[in-house]
Amino acid sequence: DKLSKSKGDKIKTEITDPKELVDRYGCDALRYFLLREIPFGNDGVYTNESLLKRINGDLSNDLGNLVSRTTAMINQYFGGVLQNPTGYTDLDNEVISLANSTLAEVKKNIELIDVPTALSEIFKLIQRANKYIDETAPWVLAKDEDKKDRLATVLYNLLECIRLLGIMLTPMIPQSCESIKAQLNCSDNTLEFGKAESYTVGEATPLF
């Protein structure tokens, strides 16, 4: 509905045309906001401020940084090539368990057409993966040649999380997920952790 002086509209700085929003922020960003904020079939509240918070927080800082940091480290430390590891620690298994349980939760919520909850579950995994980077400190492991196998395992686990995230998020942000697949150089759509035999990642590029 167009803003109108006769209606006494106060906010003149808000963008209300969806096409203009797409031109400025991208289709995926707007799709994500609407799907995350507004339950299917219900009314919702839109403001530019809330949209920007989702773009800067969820998409750019959480998802975008996870993808760019991981691919950049693999290119820096392994020339972009990683093999499937042979062993995992308890910390690795915790992340793997969350990834697999997230797949089940997302499937359940999508079947209920509860997209906001599905997205909430997905972003719990994204935040856990970012925390896993801080916990394992790959940049420290990279300084010790004896820990190269451990470094490879950590980065492989991150890639598998990102691969699964790319599959789960495809219905919501399809263009961005195509970029994720291109950066991972992996088209494996197996919905189970650890099924990708190896990775040869591409150049790290910003998603948002």
Protein backbone atom coordinates (compact mmCIF):
# COMPACT_ATOMS: atom_id res chain seq x y z
CA ASP A 1 0.00 0.00 0.00
CA LYS A 2 1.53 3.33 -1.01
CA LEU A 3 2.40 5.82 1.68
CA SER A 4 0.06 8.78 1.57
CA LYS A 5 0.12 12.20 3.20
CA SER A 6 -3.66 12.15 3.33
CA LYS A 7 -3.51 8.99 5.45
CA GLY A 8 -1.15 10.69 7.87
CA ASP A 9 1.73 8.30 7.23
CA LYS A 10 4.67 9.31 9.38
CA ILE A 11 7.47 7.16 7.99
CA LYS A 12 8.76 8.61 4.74
CA THR A 13 12.15 6.91 4.72
CA GLU A 14 10.82 3.35 4.55
CA ILE A 15 11.03 1.52 1.23
CA THR A 16 7.67 -0.12 0.60
CA ASP A 17 8.05 -1.37 -2.98
CA PRO A 18 9.26 -4.99 -2.98
CA LYS A 19 10.95 -4.49 -6.36
CA GLU A 20 12.95 -1.59 -4.94
CA LEU A 21 13.90 -3.69 -1.93
CA VAL A 22 15.14 -6.46 -4.22
CA ASP A 23 17.14 -3.97 -6.29
CA ARG A 24 18.80 -2.61 -3.15
CA TYR A 25 19.30 -5.70 -0.99
CA GLY A 26 18.85 -8.69 -3.31
CA CYS A 27 16.03 -11.17 -3.74
CA ASP A 28 17.44 -13.71 -1.27
CA ALA A 29 17.74 -11.17 1.53
CA LEU A 30 14.10 -10.15 1.17
CA ARG A 31 12.93 -13.77 0.84
CA TYR A 32 14.86 -14.70 3.97
CA PHE A 33 13.44 -11.84 6.01
CA LEU A 34 9.84 -12.55 5.06
CA LEU A 35 10.17 -16.30 5.61
CA ARG A 36 11.98 -15.86 8.93
CA GLU A 37 9.76 -13.13 10.37
CA ILE A 38 6.27 -14.00 9.15
CA PRO A 39 4.61 -17.39 9.77
CA PHE A 40 2.89 -18.78 6.68
CA GLY A 41 -0.62 -17.40 6.26
CA ASN A 42 -0.28 -14.77 8.98
CA ASP A 43 0.26 -11.03 9.07
CA GLY A 44 3.67 -9.65 9.94
CA VAL A 45 5.55 -6.43 10.64
CA TYR A 46 8.10 -5.00 8.20
CA THR A 47 10.59 -2.20 8.76
CA ASN A 48 13.81 -1.36 6.94
CA GLU A 49 15.62 -1.55 10.28
CA SER A 50 14.47 -5.10 11.00
CA LEU A 51 15.37 -6.18 7.45
CA LEU A 52 18.88 -4.74 7.78
CA LYS A 53 19.37 -6.43 11.15
CA ARG A 54 18.58 -9.80 9.57
CA ILE A 55 20.84 -9.12 6.57
CA ASN A 56 23.79 -7.88 8.63
CA GLY A 57 23.36 -10.36 11.48
CA ASP A 58 22.06 -13.67 10.16
CA LEU A 59 23.08 -13.55 6.52
CA SER A 60 26.30 -11.54 6.38
CA ASN A 61 27.89 -12.05 9.80
CA ASP A 62 26.73 -15.60 10.57
CA LEU A 63 26.26 -17.48 7.29
CA GLY A 64 28.42 -15.34 5.01
CA ASN A 65 31.39 -15.26 7.36
CA LEU A 66 31.16 -19.01 8.00
CA VAL A 67 31.43 -19.75 4.30
CA SER A 68 34.13 -17.19 3.49
CA ARG A 69 36.32 -17.97 6.52
CA THR A 70 36.19 -21.71 5.90
CA THR A 71 36.92 -21.61 2.17
CA ALA A 72 39.66 -19.02 2.67
CA MET A 73 41.42 -21.20 5.27
CA ILE A 74 41.23 -24.30 3.08
CA ASN A 75 42.75 -22.40 0.18
CA GLN A 76 45.44 -20.94 2.43
CA TYR A 77 46.42 -24.08 4.34
CA PHE A 78 45.67 -26.89 1.87
CA GLY A 79 45.67 -25.33 -1.56
CA GLY A 80 41.90 -25.79 -1.68
CA VAL A 81 41.94 -29.62 -1.49
CA LEU A 82 40.68 -31.72 1.45
CA GLN A 83 40.07 -35.43 1.93
CA ASN A 84 37.49 -37.17 4.14
CA PRO A 85 39.09 -37.60 7.61
CA THR A 86 39.37 -40.96 9.36
CA GLY A 87 38.77 -40.02 13.00
CA TYR A 88 36.80 -37.58 15.12
CA THR A 89 37.05 -36.13 18.63
CA ASP A 90 34.16 -35.68 21.06
CA LEU A 91 33.92 -32.04 19.99
CA ASP A 92 33.66 -33.08 16.35
CA ASN A 93 30.98 -35.62 17.18
CA GLU A 94 28.97 -32.97 19.01
CA VAL A 95 28.90 -30.80 15.88
CA ILE A 96 28.17 -33.79 13.64
CA SER A 97 25.28 -34.85 15.88
CA LEU A 98 23.80 -31.36 15.76
CA ALA A 99 24.10 -31.27 11.97
CA ASN A 100 22.23 -34.55 11.59
CA SER A 101 19.55 -33.62 14.15
CA THR A 102 19.08 -30.25 12.44
CA LEU A 103 18.27 -32.04 9.19
CA ALA A 104 15.53 -34.00 10.99
CA GLU A 105 14.12 -30.90 12.69
CA VAL A 106 14.06 -28.90 9.46
CA LYS A 107 12.30 -31.69 7.60
CA LYS A 108 9.67 -31.92 10.34
CA ASN A 109 9.03 -28.16 10.40
CA ILE A 110 8.92 -27.80 6.62
CA GLU A 111 6.27 -30.52 6.49
CA LEU A 112 4.27 -28.42 8.97
CA ILE A 113 4.88 -25.31 6.81
CA ASP A 114 6.57 -23.77 9.85
CA VAL A 115 9.37 -22.05 7.95
CA PRO A 116 10.39 -19.58 10.71
CA THR A 117 11.11 -22.47 13.09
CA ALA A 118 12.95 -24.39 10.36
CA LEU A 119 15.15 -21.35 9.73
CA SER A 120 15.72 -20.91 13.45
CA GLU A 121 17.00 -24.50 13.67
CA ILE A 122 19.26 -23.97 10.65
CA PHE A 123 20.81 -20.87 12.16
CA LYS A 124 21.50 -22.69 15.42
CA LEU A 125 23.78 -24.95 13.37
CA ILE A 126 25.37 -21.95 11.65
CA GLN A 127 26.10 -20.34 15.01
CA ARG A 128 27.46 -23.63 16.38
CA ALA A 129 29.76 -24.00 13.37
CA ASN A 130 31.10 -20.49 13.91
CA LYS A 131 31.70 -21.31 17.58
CA TYR A 132 33.47 -24.52 16.49
CA ILE A 133 35.93 -22.37 14.53
CA ASP A 134 36.71 -20.36 17.66
CA GLU A 135 37.01 -23.53 19.77
CA THR A 136 39.37 -25.34 17.40
CA ALA A 137 41.35 -22.24 16.26
CA PRO A 138 42.49 -23.53 12.84
CA TRP A 139 44.98 -20.64 12.52
CA VAL A 140 46.79 -22.01 15.58
CA LEU A 141 46.70 -25.61 14.34
CA ALA A 142 48.18 -24.45 11.03
CA LYS A 143 51.37 -23.34 12.80
CA ASP A 144 52.17 -26.90 13.93
CA GLU A 145 53.01 -29.39 11.18
CA ASP A 146 52.21 -32.28 13.56
CA LYS A 147 48.61 -31.02 13.79
CA LYS A 148 47.95 -30.85 10.07
CA ASP A 149 45.66 -33.90 10.16
CA ARG A 150 43.67 -32.33 12.98
CA LEU A 151 43.42 -29.10 10.99
CA ALA A 152 42.18 -31.02 7.95
CA THR A 153 39.51 -32.75 10.06
CA VAL A 154 38.25 -29.46 11.49
CA LEU A 155 38.02 -27.83 8.07
CA TYR A 156 36.35 -30.89 6.53
CA ASN A 157 33.73 -30.84 9.29
CA LEU A 158 33.06 -27.17 8.57
CA LEU A 159 32.70 -27.89 4.85
CA GLU A 160 30.22 -30.67 5.52
CA CYS A 161 28.19 -28.35 7.75
CA ILE A 162 28.20 -25.74 4.99
CA ARG A 163 27.25 -28.32 2.34
CA LEU A 164 24.25 -29.44 4.39
CA LEU A 165 23.30 -25.84 5.17
CA GLY A 166 23.37 -25.07 1.46
CA ILE A 167 20.92 -27.90 0.80
CA MET A 168 18.57 -26.96 3.64
CA LEU A 169 18.56 -23.27 2.72
CA THR A 170 18.05 -23.73 -1.02
CA PRO A 171 14.23 -23.28 -0.90
CA MET A 172 14.64 -20.03 1.06
CA ILE A 173 17.72 -18.38 -0.49
CA PRO A 174 18.34 -20.25 -3.76
CA GLN A 175 20.76 -17.80 -5.40
CA SER A 176 23.02 -17.68 -2.36
CA CYS A 177 23.00 -21.47 -2.10
CA GLU A 178 24.12 -21.73 -5.72
CA SER A 179 27.05 -19.52 -4.75
CA ILE A 180 27.78 -21.78 -1.77
CA LYS A 181 27.82 -24.87 -4.02
CA ALA A 182 30.10 -23.06 -6.47
CA GLN A 183 32.56 -22.12 -3.73
CA LEU A 184 32.56 -25.65 -2.35
CA ASN A 185 32.71 -27.03 -5.91
CA CYS A 186 30.42 -29.79 -4.68
CA SER A 187 27.03 -30.87 -6.01
CA ASP A 188 26.55 -33.78 -3.59
CA ASN A 189 23.02 -33.52 -2.19
CA THR A 190 23.29 -36.45 0.23
CA LEU A 191 21.45 -35.46 3.41
CA GLU A 192 23.90 -37.06 5.80
CA PHE A 193 27.08 -35.75 7.37
CA GLY A 194 30.43 -37.07 6.12
CA LYS A 195 29.36 -38.44 2.74
CA ALA A 196 31.49 -36.14 0.59
CA GLU A 197 34.72 -38.03 -0.11
CA SER A 198 36.81 -34.96 -0.84
CA TYR A 199 36.60 -31.26 -1.62
CA THR A 200 38.38 -28.99 -4.05
CA VAL A 201 37.02 -25.60 -3.07
CA GLY A 202 36.91 -22.49 -5.20
CA GLU A 203 37.79 -18.92 -4.39
CA ALA A 204 36.15 -17.41 -1.31
CA THR A 205 33.66 -14.73 -2.36
CA PRO A 206 31.19 -12.76 -0.21
CA LEU A 207 27.66 -14.12 -0.22
CA PHE A 208 25.90 -10.90 0.81
